[in-house]
């Protein structure tokens, strides 16, 4: 059983499923700090990397290629919980779906 902090919301579950259905199966986590991006990257179990768009715009790109929906959901839920608990601004985007934390 997952800890209470890792329980995913319906939005996170929908985002994880949407990520797998895309032609390019990725979820992007948009952050404003390099340090926040590094912390978020550390929460992803595998298949993720950082992209710096500007000094104040970072993306953690989570690849879902070859992964199960539950694994992708776990990674996205971990980032969502981290952002909520640490009061960090984050936007998680997968295709046409997005959530702002």
Protein backbone atom coordinates (compact mmCIF):
# COMPACT_ATOMS: atom_id res chain seq x y z
CA UNK A 1 0.00 0.00 0.00
CA UNK A 2 1.25 3.48 -0.87
CA UNK A 3 1.83 6.05 1.88
CA UNK A 4 -0.88 8.71 2.21
CA UNK A 5 1.45 11.38 0.81
CA UNK A 6 1.85 9.37 -2.39
CA UNK A 7 -1.87 8.80 -3.02
CA UNK A 8 -2.59 10.26 -6.43
CA UNK A 9 -5.49 12.50 -7.31
CA UNK A 10 -7.93 11.78 -10.17
CA UNK A 11 -6.17 14.51 -12.14
CA UNK A 12 -2.79 12.79 -11.76
CA UNK A 13 -4.27 9.44 -12.81
CA UNK A 14 -5.81 11.06 -15.91
CA UNK A 15 -2.52 12.78 -16.73
CA UNK A 16 -0.60 9.50 -16.44
CA UNK A 17 -3.04 7.76 -18.79
CA UNK A 18 -2.90 10.67 -21.24
CA UNK A 19 0.90 10.50 -21.23
CA UNK A 20 0.85 6.88 -22.38
CA UNK A 21 -1.66 7.56 -25.18
CA UNK A 22 0.35 10.33 -26.83
CA UNK A 23 2.33 9.82 -29.99
CA UNK A 24 5.33 11.13 -28.04
CA UNK A 25 4.69 9.68 -24.56
CA UNK A 26 6.10 12.28 -22.16
CA UNK A 27 4.90 14.41 -19.29
CA UNK A 28 6.59 17.77 -18.74
CA UNK A 29 6.93 19.31 -15.29
CA UNK A 30 7.48 23.05 -15.66
CA UNK A 31 9.39 24.74 -12.82
CA UNK A 32 11.01 28.13 -12.23
CA UNK A 33 14.13 27.10 -10.31
CA UNK A 34 17.07 24.88 -11.18
CA UNK A 35 17.13 23.55 -7.62
CA UNK A 36 13.42 22.73 -7.72
CA UNK A 37 13.95 20.98 -11.05
CA UNK A 38 16.76 18.89 -9.57
CA UNK A 39 14.63 17.93 -6.56
CA UNK A 40 11.71 16.98 -8.83
CA UNK A 41 14.03 14.97 -11.09
CA UNK A 42 15.25 12.99 -8.07
CA UNK A 43 11.65 11.86 -7.41
CA UNK A 44 11.29 10.17 -10.79
CA UNK A 45 12.33 6.53 -10.72
CA UNK A 46 13.72 6.41 -14.26
CA UNK A 47 13.54 7.81 -17.80
CA UNK A 48 13.58 11.53 -17.06
CA UNK A 49 15.88 14.43 -17.84
CA UNK A 50 16.18 18.19 -17.38
CA UNK A 51 15.70 20.85 -20.00
CA UNK A 52 16.68 24.44 -19.32
CA UNK A 53 14.65 26.89 -21.39
CA UNK A 54 15.89 30.02 -19.61
CA UNK A 55 17.49 30.89 -16.25
CA UNK A 56 14.03 30.84 -14.67
CA UNK A 57 12.30 28.17 -16.75
CA UNK A 58 13.10 24.50 -16.33
CA UNK A 59 11.37 21.33 -17.48
CA UNK A 60 11.65 17.84 -16.03
CA UNK A 61 10.63 15.60 -18.92
CA UNK A 62 9.30 12.24 -17.76
CA UNK A 63 9.27 9.61 -20.50
CA UNK A 64 6.52 7.00 -20.40
CA UNK A 65 7.82 4.94 -23.30
CA UNK A 66 7.77 1.26 -22.38
CA UNK A 67 6.43 1.92 -18.88
CA UNK A 68 3.22 0.91 -17.12
CA UNK A 69 0.58 3.53 -16.30
CA UNK A 70 1.01 2.85 -12.58
CA UNK A 71 4.73 3.64 -12.74
CA UNK A 72 4.15 6.92 -14.58
CA UNK A 73 1.33 7.79 -12.17
CA UNK A 74 3.63 7.12 -9.19
CA UNK A 75 6.27 9.50 -10.59
CA UNK A 76 3.76 12.27 -11.35
CA UNK A 77 2.06 11.83 -7.96
CA UNK A 78 5.43 12.07 -6.19
CA UNK A 79 6.17 15.36 -7.95
CA UNK A 80 2.67 16.69 -7.25
CA UNK A 81 2.97 15.80 -3.54
CA UNK A 82 6.45 17.35 -3.35
CA UNK A 83 5.22 20.59 -4.96
CA UNK A 84 2.22 20.81 -2.61
CA UNK A 85 4.22 20.00 0.53
CA UNK A 86 7.06 22.38 -0.32
CA UNK A 87 4.75 25.14 -1.65
CA UNK A 88 6.50 25.13 -5.02
CA UNK A 89 4.89 26.33 -8.22
CA UNK A 90 4.76 23.54 -10.78
CA UNK A 91 2.76 22.82 -13.88
CA UNK A 92 2.52 19.25 -15.13
CA UNK A 93 1.57 18.85 -18.79
CA UNK A 94 0.78 15.77 -20.86
CA UNK A 95 -0.66 16.48 -24.27
CA UNK A 96 -3.81 18.60 -23.87
CA UNK A 97 -4.09 17.92 -20.13
CA UNK A 98 -2.34 19.91 -17.45
CA UNK A 99 -2.50 20.52 -13.71
CA UNK A 100 -1.03 23.40 -11.80
CA UNK A 101 0.23 22.78 -8.30
